[in-house]
Amino acid sequence: MRIIRIEPNQGESYPSPQTVLRNDVPSGYAQIDESVDLTQFYASGGFVALTLTDGVVTGYTADPAAWAAWQAANTPDDQEPTTEDRMAALEAAVLEIALGG
């Protein structure tokens, strides 16, 4: 059975659904109906509005704008340097050592 927390994370996205081998739904969780396709759930980073019917998730509405806003706000300022940038820095360091610097 697939389950998901009923309350979203602090950032307003839902955590990934879980597959459990049990017959009861833990407190604070809802079962996800087998007919629910989770493709858009994952594509929107869990930024969705769940549709619950009698404690079962029967659908959801993705919020790609909220996902894009979260990504923009949480992109690291320091991007990983490219291979070219690292090679240039290495070459400059070797040249400095070779010239006695």
N, C-alpha and C. Protein backbone atom coordinates (compact mmCIF):
# COMPACT_ATOMS: atom_id res chain seq x y z
N MET A 1 0.85 -1.17 0.00
CA MET A 1 0.00 0.00 0.00
C MET A 1 0.90 1.24 0.00
N ARG A 2 0.47 2.27 -0.75
CA ARG A 2 1.21 3.53 -0.78
C ARG A 2 0.56 4.50 0.20
N ILE A 3 1.40 5.21 0.95
CA ILE A 3 0.89 6.18 1.91
C ILE A 3 1.68 7.49 1.78
N ILE A 4 1.10 8.55 2.32
CA ILE A 4 1.76 9.85 2.33
C ILE A 4 1.32 10.59 3.59
N ARG A 5 2.22 11.43 4.10
CA ARG A 5 1.85 12.26 5.25
C ARG A 5 0.74 13.21 4.84
N ILE A 6 -0.18 13.44 5.74
CA ILE A 6 -1.30 14.33 5.46
C ILE A 6 -0.86 15.79 5.48
N GLU A 7 0.08 16.13 6.34
CA GLU A 7 0.56 17.50 6.45
C GLU A 7 1.82 17.67 5.60
N PRO A 8 1.92 18.79 4.88
CA PRO A 8 3.13 19.02 4.08
C PRO A 8 4.32 19.37 4.97
N ASN A 9 5.49 19.37 4.38
CA ASN A 9 6.71 19.79 5.08
C ASN A 9 6.62 21.28 5.40
N GLN A 10 7.59 21.77 6.14
CA GLN A 10 7.62 23.17 6.51
C GLN A 10 7.64 24.08 5.28
N GLY A 11 8.28 23.63 4.20
CA GLY A 11 8.35 24.41 2.97
C GLY A 11 7.12 24.29 2.10
N GLU A 12 6.09 23.62 2.59
CA GLU A 12 4.80 23.45 1.92
C GLU A 12 4.77 22.38 0.83
N SER A 13 5.84 21.60 0.70
CA SER A 13 5.79 20.47 -0.23
C SER A 13 5.53 19.21 0.58
N TYR A 14 5.02 18.21 -0.08
CA TYR A 14 4.78 16.92 0.58
C TYR A 14 6.00 16.03 0.40
N PRO A 15 6.31 15.23 1.41
CA PRO A 15 7.41 14.27 1.25
C PRO A 15 6.99 13.18 0.26
N SER A 16 7.97 12.46 -0.23
CA SER A 16 7.69 11.37 -1.16
C SER A 16 6.78 10.33 -0.52
N PRO A 17 5.84 9.81 -1.30
CA PRO A 17 5.02 8.72 -0.80
C PRO A 17 5.88 7.51 -0.45
N GLN A 18 5.37 6.69 0.42
CA GLN A 18 6.07 5.48 0.83
C GLN A 18 5.22 4.26 0.51
N THR A 19 5.88 3.17 0.22
CA THR A 19 5.18 1.90 0.06
C THR A 19 5.44 1.10 1.33
N VAL A 20 4.38 0.65 1.96
CA VAL A 20 4.51 -0.09 3.21
C VAL A 20 3.83 -1.45 3.09
N LEU A 21 4.34 -2.37 3.86
CA LEU A 21 3.77 -3.72 3.88
C LEU A 21 2.98 -3.90 5.17
N ARG A 22 1.85 -3.24 5.23
CA ARG A 22 0.97 -3.34 6.40
C ARG A 22 -0.46 -3.13 5.93
N ASN A 23 -1.39 -3.46 6.78
CA ASN A 23 -2.80 -3.34 6.42
C ASN A 23 -3.47 -2.10 6.98
N ASP A 24 -2.80 -1.42 7.92
CA ASP A 24 -3.40 -0.23 8.51
C ASP A 24 -2.57 0.99 8.14
N VAL A 25 -3.22 2.14 8.14
CA VAL A 25 -2.56 3.40 7.80
C VAL A 25 -2.13 4.06 9.10
N PRO A 26 -0.84 4.39 9.23
CA PRO A 26 -0.38 5.03 10.46
C PRO A 26 -1.04 6.39 10.68
N SER A 27 -1.11 6.80 11.91
CA SER A 27 -1.67 8.10 12.26
C SER A 27 -0.88 9.21 11.56
N GLY A 28 -1.60 10.19 11.01
CA GLY A 28 -0.95 11.31 10.32
C GLY A 28 -0.68 11.04 8.85
N TYR A 29 -1.06 9.87 8.37
CA TYR A 29 -0.85 9.49 6.98
C TYR A 29 -2.17 9.18 6.31
N ALA A 30 -2.16 9.17 4.99
CA ALA A 30 -3.32 8.76 4.20
C ALA A 30 -2.87 7.74 3.18
N GLN A 31 -3.74 6.80 2.89
CA GLN A 31 -3.46 5.84 1.83
C GLN A 31 -3.65 6.52 0.49
N ILE A 32 -2.83 6.17 -0.48
CA ILE A 32 -2.96 6.70 -1.84
C ILE A 32 -3.64 5.63 -2.68
N ASP A 33 -4.75 6.00 -3.28
CA ASP A 33 -5.49 5.07 -4.12
C ASP A 33 -4.57 4.57 -5.24
N GLU A 34 -4.69 3.29 -5.56
CA GLU A 34 -3.83 2.67 -6.58
C GLU A 34 -3.99 3.31 -7.96
N SER A 35 -5.11 3.95 -8.21
CA SER A 35 -5.35 4.56 -9.52
C SER A 35 -4.64 5.91 -9.68
N VAL A 36 -4.08 6.44 -8.60
CA VAL A 36 -3.44 7.76 -8.66
C VAL A 36 -2.05 7.63 -9.26
N ASP A 37 -1.83 8.33 -10.38
CA ASP A 37 -0.53 8.37 -11.05
C ASP A 37 0.30 9.46 -10.38
N LEU A 38 1.48 9.14 -9.90
CA LEU A 38 2.31 10.08 -9.15
C LEU A 38 3.35 10.81 -10.01
N THR A 39 3.29 10.66 -11.33
CA THR A 39 4.27 11.27 -12.21
C THR A 39 4.37 12.77 -11.98
N GLN A 40 3.24 13.47 -11.98
CA GLN A 40 3.25 14.92 -11.79
C GLN A 40 3.58 15.31 -10.35
N PHE A 41 3.30 14.43 -9.41
CA PHE A 41 3.69 14.68 -8.02
C PHE A 41 5.21 14.86 -7.94
N TYR A 42 5.93 13.91 -8.54
CA TYR A 42 7.39 13.97 -8.52
C TYR A 42 7.91 15.11 -9.39
N ALA A 43 7.26 15.35 -10.54
CA ALA A 43 7.71 16.42 -11.44
C ALA A 43 7.57 17.80 -10.80
N SER A 44 6.65 17.93 -9.86
CA SER A 44 6.45 19.23 -9.20
C SER A 44 7.09 19.25 -7.81
N GLY A 45 7.97 18.30 -7.54
CA GLY A 45 8.72 18.31 -6.29
C GLY A 45 7.86 18.16 -5.05
N GLY A 46 6.68 17.59 -5.18
CA GLY A 46 5.80 17.42 -4.03
C GLY A 46 4.97 18.65 -3.71
N PHE A 47 5.09 19.71 -4.53
CA PHE A 47 4.27 20.90 -4.33
C PHE A 47 2.92 20.64 -4.98
N VAL A 48 2.01 20.09 -4.20
CA VAL A 48 0.70 19.69 -4.68
C VAL A 48 -0.36 20.00 -3.62
N ALA A 49 -1.60 19.97 -4.05
CA ALA A 49 -2.75 20.00 -3.14
C ALA A 49 -3.40 18.63 -3.24
N LEU A 50 -3.43 17.92 -2.13
CA LEU A 50 -4.01 16.57 -2.13
C LEU A 50 -5.52 16.64 -2.15
N THR A 51 -6.14 15.69 -2.83
CA THR A 51 -7.59 15.49 -2.78
C THR A 51 -7.84 14.25 -1.95
N LEU A 52 -8.46 14.44 -0.79
CA LEU A 52 -8.72 13.33 0.14
C LEU A 52 -10.21 13.01 0.15
N THR A 53 -10.52 11.73 0.07
CA THR A 53 -11.89 11.25 0.19
C THR A 53 -11.89 10.14 1.23
N ASP A 54 -12.51 10.40 2.36
CA ASP A 54 -12.57 9.42 3.45
C ASP A 54 -11.18 8.92 3.84
N GLY A 55 -10.22 9.84 3.92
CA GLY A 55 -8.87 9.49 4.37
C GLY A 55 -8.00 8.83 3.31
N VAL A 56 -8.46 8.82 2.07
CA VAL A 56 -7.70 8.22 0.97
C VAL A 56 -7.40 9.30 -0.07
N VAL A 57 -6.15 9.37 -0.51
CA VAL A 57 -5.79 10.31 -1.56
C VAL A 57 -6.33 9.77 -2.88
N THR A 58 -7.25 10.54 -3.46
CA THR A 58 -7.86 10.11 -4.72
C THR A 58 -7.37 10.94 -5.89
N GLY A 59 -6.53 11.94 -5.60
CA GLY A 59 -5.97 12.78 -6.64
C GLY A 59 -5.17 13.90 -6.01
N TYR A 60 -4.66 14.76 -6.86
CA TYR A 60 -3.91 15.92 -6.40
C TYR A 60 -3.83 16.92 -7.54
N THR A 61 -3.51 18.15 -7.18
CA THR A 61 -3.29 19.19 -8.18
C THR A 61 -1.87 19.68 -8.00
N ALA A 62 -1.06 19.55 -9.03
CA ALA A 62 0.33 19.98 -8.97
C ALA A 62 0.41 21.50 -9.00
N ASP A 63 1.43 22.05 -8.34
CA ASP A 63 1.66 23.49 -8.32
C ASP A 63 3.08 23.76 -8.82
N PRO A 64 3.30 23.69 -10.15
CA PRO A 64 4.64 23.87 -10.69
C PRO A 64 5.22 25.25 -10.40
N ALA A 65 4.38 26.27 -10.24
CA ALA A 65 4.89 27.61 -9.93
C ALA A 65 5.52 27.63 -8.54
N ALA A 66 4.91 26.96 -7.58
CA ALA A 66 5.48 26.89 -6.23
C ALA A 66 6.80 26.11 -6.25
N TRP A 67 6.87 25.06 -7.04
CA TRP A 67 8.10 24.28 -7.17
C TRP A 67 9.21 25.13 -7.79
N ALA A 68 8.89 25.89 -8.83
CA ALA A 68 9.88 26.74 -9.48
C ALA A 68 10.35 27.84 -8.52
N ALA A 69 9.43 28.40 -7.74
CA ALA A 69 9.81 29.44 -6.77
C ALA A 69 10.72 28.87 -5.70
N TRP A 70 10.40 27.66 -5.24
CA TRP A 70 11.25 27.03 -4.22
C TRP A 70 12.64 26.77 -4.78
N GLN A 71 12.71 26.26 -6.00
CA GLN A 71 14.01 25.99 -6.62
C GLN A 71 14.82 27.26 -6.76
N ALA A 72 14.19 28.35 -7.18
CA ALA A 72 14.90 29.61 -7.36
C ALA A 72 15.42 30.14 -6.02
N ALA A 73 14.63 29.97 -4.98
CA ALA A 73 15.02 30.46 -3.65
C ALA A 73 16.06 29.57 -2.98
N ASN A 74 16.19 28.35 -3.43
CA ASN A 74 17.09 27.40 -2.77
C ASN A 74 18.24 26.94 -3.65
N THR A 75 18.52 27.68 -4.72
CA THR A 75 19.66 27.37 -5.56
C THR A 75 20.91 27.89 -4.88
N PRO A 76 21.93 27.06 -4.72
CA PRO A 76 23.14 27.53 -4.06
C PRO A 76 23.78 28.69 -4.82
N ASP A 77 24.28 29.66 -4.06
CA ASP A 77 24.96 30.80 -4.67
C ASP A 77 26.27 30.37 -5.33
N ASP A 78 26.94 29.44 -4.72
CA ASP A 78 28.22 28.96 -5.23
C ASP A 78 27.99 27.71 -6.07
N GLN A 79 27.93 27.89 -7.36
CA GLN A 79 27.77 26.75 -8.24
C GLN A 79 29.09 26.00 -8.33
N GLU A 80 29.02 24.72 -8.52
CA GLU A 80 30.21 23.88 -8.68
C GLU A 80 30.99 24.40 -9.89
N PRO A 81 32.30 24.65 -9.71
CA PRO A 81 33.07 25.14 -10.86
C PRO A 81 33.11 24.09 -11.98
N THR A 82 33.16 24.58 -13.20
CA THR A 82 33.22 23.67 -14.34
C THR A 82 34.61 23.03 -14.40
N THR A 83 34.74 21.99 -15.18
CA THR A 83 36.03 21.35 -15.38
C THR A 83 37.03 22.34 -15.95
N GLU A 84 36.57 23.17 -16.88
CA GLU A 84 37.46 24.17 -17.48
C GLU A 84 37.97 25.16 -16.43
N ASP A 85 37.08 25.61 -15.54
CA ASP A 85 37.49 26.54 -14.48
C ASP A 85 38.50 25.89 -13.53
N ARG A 86 38.28 24.64 -13.20
CA ARG A 86 39.20 23.94 -12.30
C ARG A 86 40.55 23.74 -12.97
N MET A 87 40.56 23.40 -14.26
CA MET A 87 41.82 23.21 -14.98
C MET A 87 42.59 24.53 -15.07
N ALA A 88 41.89 25.63 -15.33
CA ALA A 88 42.55 26.93 -15.42
C ALA A 88 43.17 27.30 -14.08
N ALA A 89 42.47 27.03 -12.99
CA ALA A 89 43.01 27.34 -11.67
C ALA A 89 44.23 26.46 -11.36
N LEU A 90 44.17 25.20 -11.76
CA LEU A 90 45.29 24.29 -11.55
C LEU A 90 46.51 24.73 -12.38
N GLU A 91 46.27 25.09 -13.62
CA GLU A 91 47.37 25.56 -14.47
C GLU A 91 48.00 26.82 -13.89
N ALA A 92 47.18 27.74 -13.40
CA ALA A 92 47.71 28.97 -12.81
C ALA A 92 48.54 28.66 -11.56
N ALA A 93 48.10 27.71 -10.76
CA ALA A 93 48.84 27.34 -9.55
C ALA A 93 50.16 26.69 -9.91
N VAL A 94 50.17 25.82 -10.89
CA VAL A 94 51.41 25.15 -11.32
C VAL A 94 52.37 26.19 -11.90
N LEU A 95 51.87 27.12 -12.70
CA LEU A 95 52.72 28.17 -13.26
C LEU A 95 53.32 29.04 -12.16
N GLU A 96 52.53 29.36 -11.16
CA GLU A 96 53.03 30.18 -10.05
C GLU A 96 54.16 29.45 -9.31
N ILE A 97 53.98 28.14 -9.07
CA ILE A 97 55.01 27.35 -8.40
C ILE A 97 56.26 27.29 -9.27
N ALA A 98 56.07 27.08 -10.57
CA ALA A 98 57.21 26.97 -11.49
C ALA A 98 58.00 28.27 -11.57
N LEU A 99 57.33 29.39 -11.40
CA LEU A 99 58.01 30.68 -11.47
C LEU A 99 58.53 31.13 -10.11
N GLY A 100 58.39 30.25 -9.12
CA GLY A 100 58.94 30.53 -7.80
C GLY A 100 58.03 31.39 -6.94
N GLY A 101 56.74 31.40 -7.24
CA GLY A 101 55.83 32.24 -6.48
C GLY A 101 55.22 31.61 -5.32
